[in-house]
């Protein structure tokens, strides 16, 4: 069984959760910090996905842009 750290869906869900939490904060600095965390989680998700697919991150970005 794969650990959570090697599961792209885990990191994507963590990003969604961070974005959702950011919406609840009135403090701008706290909201921006959570949004930065979400961005980093999404980057991890992309890397894990690429690794699982045997692709480089550049290959995945090209596929994403192609539609």
N, C-alpha and C. Protein backbone atom coordinates (compact mmCIF):
# COMPACT_ATOMS: atom_id res chain seq x y z
N UNK A 1 0.85 -1.19 0.00
CA UNK A 1 0.00 0.00 0.00
C UNK A 1 0.89 1.24 0.00
N UNK A 2 0.59 2.18 -0.85
CA UNK A 2 1.38 3.40 -0.97
C UNK A 2 1.09 4.32 0.21
N UNK A 3 2.10 5.04 0.64
CA UNK A 3 1.89 6.00 1.71
C UNK A 3 1.17 7.23 1.15
N UNK A 4 0.60 8.01 2.05
CA UNK A 4 -0.12 9.21 1.61
C UNK A 4 0.79 10.16 0.86
N UNK A 5 2.07 10.21 1.24
CA UNK A 5 2.98 11.16 0.61
C UNK A 5 3.26 10.82 -0.84
N UNK A 6 2.95 9.59 -1.26
CA UNK A 6 3.17 9.21 -2.65
C UNK A 6 1.85 9.13 -3.42
N UNK A 7 0.80 9.76 -2.90
CA UNK A 7 -0.52 9.75 -3.53
C UNK A 7 -0.87 11.17 -3.98
N UNK A 8 -0.92 11.37 -5.28
CA UNK A 8 -1.21 12.71 -5.82
C UNK A 8 -2.56 13.23 -5.34
N UNK A 9 -3.56 12.36 -5.23
CA UNK A 9 -4.88 12.79 -4.79
C UNK A 9 -4.84 13.33 -3.36
N UNK A 10 -4.01 12.73 -2.52
CA UNK A 10 -3.86 13.21 -1.15
C UNK A 10 -3.41 14.67 -1.14
N UNK A 11 -2.38 14.99 -1.94
CA UNK A 11 -1.84 16.35 -1.98
C UNK A 11 -2.82 17.32 -2.63
N UNK A 12 -3.56 16.87 -3.64
CA UNK A 12 -4.56 17.74 -4.26
C UNK A 12 -5.68 18.05 -3.27
N UNK A 13 -6.09 17.04 -2.50
CA UNK A 13 -7.12 17.27 -1.48
C UNK A 13 -6.61 18.20 -0.39
N UNK A 14 -5.33 18.06 -0.03
CA UNK A 14 -4.74 18.96 0.97
C UNK A 14 -4.76 20.39 0.45
N UNK A 15 -4.50 20.58 -0.83
CA UNK A 15 -4.54 21.91 -1.43
C UNK A 15 -5.95 22.49 -1.38
N UNK A 16 -6.92 21.67 -1.71
CA UNK A 16 -8.31 22.11 -1.67
C UNK A 16 -8.69 22.52 -0.24
N UNK A 17 -8.26 21.73 0.72
CA UNK A 17 -8.56 22.02 2.12
C UNK A 17 -7.91 23.35 2.53
N UNK A 18 -6.66 23.56 2.15
CA UNK A 18 -5.97 24.81 2.49
C UNK A 18 -6.68 26.01 1.87
N UNK A 19 -7.11 25.88 0.62
CA UNK A 19 -7.85 26.98 -0.02
C UNK A 19 -9.17 27.25 0.68
N UNK A 20 -9.85 26.19 1.07
CA UNK A 20 -11.12 26.34 1.79
C UNK A 20 -10.90 27.03 3.13
N UNK A 21 -9.85 26.63 3.84
CA UNK A 21 -9.54 27.27 5.11
C UNK A 21 -9.18 28.74 4.91
N UNK A 22 -8.45 29.04 3.85
CA UNK A 22 -8.04 30.42 3.58
C UNK A 22 -9.26 31.34 3.46
N UNK A 23 -10.33 30.82 2.90
CA UNK A 23 -11.55 31.62 2.72
C UNK A 23 -12.18 32.03 4.04
N UNK A 24 -11.86 31.32 5.12
CA UNK A 24 -12.48 31.60 6.41
C UNK A 24 -11.73 32.65 7.21
N UNK A 25 -10.53 33.03 6.78
CA UNK A 25 -9.71 33.97 7.52
C UNK A 25 -9.95 35.40 7.05
N UNK A 26 -10.17 36.29 7.98
CA UNK A 26 -10.29 37.71 7.66
C UNK A 26 -8.92 38.35 7.55
N UNK A 27 -7.96 37.81 8.29
CA UNK A 27 -6.60 38.35 8.30
C UNK A 27 -5.91 38.04 6.97
N UNK A 28 -5.50 39.09 6.27
CA UNK A 28 -4.90 38.93 4.94
C UNK A 28 -3.64 38.10 4.97
N UNK A 29 -2.77 38.32 5.95
CA UNK A 29 -1.52 37.57 6.02
C UNK A 29 -1.78 36.08 6.21
N UNK A 30 -2.73 35.73 7.05
CA UNK A 30 -3.07 34.33 7.28
C UNK A 30 -3.66 33.71 6.02
N UNK A 31 -4.53 34.45 5.37
CA UNK A 31 -5.15 33.95 4.14
C UNK A 31 -4.09 33.72 3.06
N UNK A 32 -3.17 34.66 2.90
CA UNK A 32 -2.12 34.50 1.90
C UNK A 32 -1.18 33.34 2.23
N UNK A 33 -0.91 33.14 3.51
CA UNK A 33 -0.05 32.03 3.92
C UNK A 33 -0.70 30.70 3.55
N UNK A 34 -1.99 30.57 3.79
CA UNK A 34 -2.69 29.34 3.44
C UNK A 34 -2.76 29.14 1.93
N UNK A 35 -2.93 30.22 1.19
CA UNK A 35 -2.94 30.11 -0.27
C UNK A 35 -1.58 29.67 -0.80
N UNK A 36 -0.51 30.15 -0.18
CA UNK A 36 0.84 29.71 -0.55
C UNK A 36 1.03 28.23 -0.26
N UNK A 37 0.51 27.78 0.87
CA UNK A 37 0.57 26.35 1.20
C UNK A 37 -0.19 25.55 0.15
N UNK A 38 -1.36 26.03 -0.26
CA UNK A 38 -2.15 25.34 -1.28
C UNK A 38 -1.36 25.23 -2.59
N UNK A 39 -0.70 26.29 -2.97
CA UNK A 39 0.10 26.27 -4.20
C UNK A 39 1.21 25.23 -4.10
N UNK A 40 1.86 25.16 -2.95
CA UNK A 40 2.93 24.18 -2.75
C UNK A 40 2.39 22.76 -2.76
N UNK A 41 1.23 22.55 -2.14
CA UNK A 41 0.61 21.21 -2.17
C UNK A 41 0.27 20.81 -3.61
N UNK A 42 -0.24 21.75 -4.40
CA UNK A 42 -0.55 21.44 -5.79
C UNK A 42 0.71 21.07 -6.58
N UNK A 43 1.81 21.74 -6.28
CA UNK A 43 3.08 21.42 -6.94
C UNK A 43 3.53 20.01 -6.56
N UNK A 44 3.36 19.65 -5.30
CA UNK A 44 3.71 18.29 -4.87
C UNK A 44 2.83 17.29 -5.60
N UNK A 45 1.54 17.58 -5.70
CA UNK A 45 0.62 16.67 -6.40
C UNK A 45 1.06 16.46 -7.85
N UNK A 46 1.47 17.54 -8.52
CA UNK A 46 1.94 17.41 -9.90
C UNK A 46 3.19 16.55 -9.99
N UNK A 47 4.11 16.76 -9.05
CA UNK A 47 5.35 15.97 -9.06
C UNK A 47 5.07 14.50 -8.82
N UNK A 48 4.20 14.20 -7.86
CA UNK A 48 3.85 12.81 -7.56
C UNK A 48 3.17 12.17 -8.76
N UNK A 49 2.25 12.90 -9.36
CA UNK A 49 1.55 12.39 -10.55
C UNK A 49 2.54 12.08 -11.67
N UNK A 50 3.46 12.99 -11.90
CA UNK A 50 4.47 12.79 -12.95
C UNK A 50 5.33 11.57 -12.63
N UNK A 51 5.71 11.44 -11.38
CA UNK A 51 6.54 10.32 -10.97
C UNK A 51 5.80 8.99 -11.17
N UNK A 52 4.53 8.96 -10.80
CA UNK A 52 3.74 7.74 -10.96
C UNK A 52 3.53 7.39 -12.42
N UNK A 53 3.44 8.39 -13.28
CA UNK A 53 3.21 8.16 -14.70
C UNK A 53 4.51 7.94 -15.46
N UNK A 54 5.63 8.06 -14.77
CA UNK A 54 6.92 7.90 -15.42
C UNK A 54 7.28 9.05 -16.34
N UNK A 55 6.72 10.20 -16.05
CA UNK A 55 6.96 11.40 -16.87
C UNK A 55 7.79 12.40 -16.09
N UNK A 56 8.38 13.31 -16.81
CA UNK A 56 9.02 14.43 -16.14
C UNK A 56 7.94 15.47 -15.87
N UNK A 57 8.21 16.39 -14.98
CA UNK A 57 7.26 17.45 -14.69
C UNK A 57 7.02 18.30 -15.94
N UNK A 58 8.03 18.47 -16.76
CA UNK A 58 7.88 19.22 -18.01
C UNK A 58 6.88 18.52 -18.93
N UNK A 59 6.94 17.18 -19.02
CA UNK A 59 5.99 16.42 -19.84
C UNK A 59 4.57 16.64 -19.35
N UNK A 60 4.37 16.62 -18.04
CA UNK A 60 3.03 16.81 -17.49
C UNK A 60 2.49 18.21 -17.76
N UNK A 61 3.34 19.22 -17.65
CA UNK A 61 2.90 20.59 -17.92
C UNK A 61 2.52 20.74 -19.40
N UNK A 62 3.28 20.10 -20.29
CA UNK A 62 2.97 20.16 -21.71
C UNK A 62 1.62 19.48 -21.99
N UNK A 63 1.37 18.34 -21.35
CA UNK A 63 0.09 17.64 -21.52
C UNK A 63 -1.06 18.48 -20.99
N UNK A 64 -0.85 19.14 -19.84
CA UNK A 64 -1.91 19.96 -19.24
C UNK A 64 -2.26 21.13 -20.16
N UNK A 65 -1.25 21.76 -20.74
CA UNK A 65 -1.49 22.90 -21.63
C UNK A 65 -2.14 22.48 -22.94
N UNK A 66 -1.86 21.25 -23.39
CA UNK A 66 -2.43 20.75 -24.64
C UNK A 66 -3.92 20.43 -24.50
N UNK A 67 -4.37 20.29 -23.26
CA UNK A 67 -5.78 20.05 -23.04
C UNK A 67 -6.05 18.68 -22.72
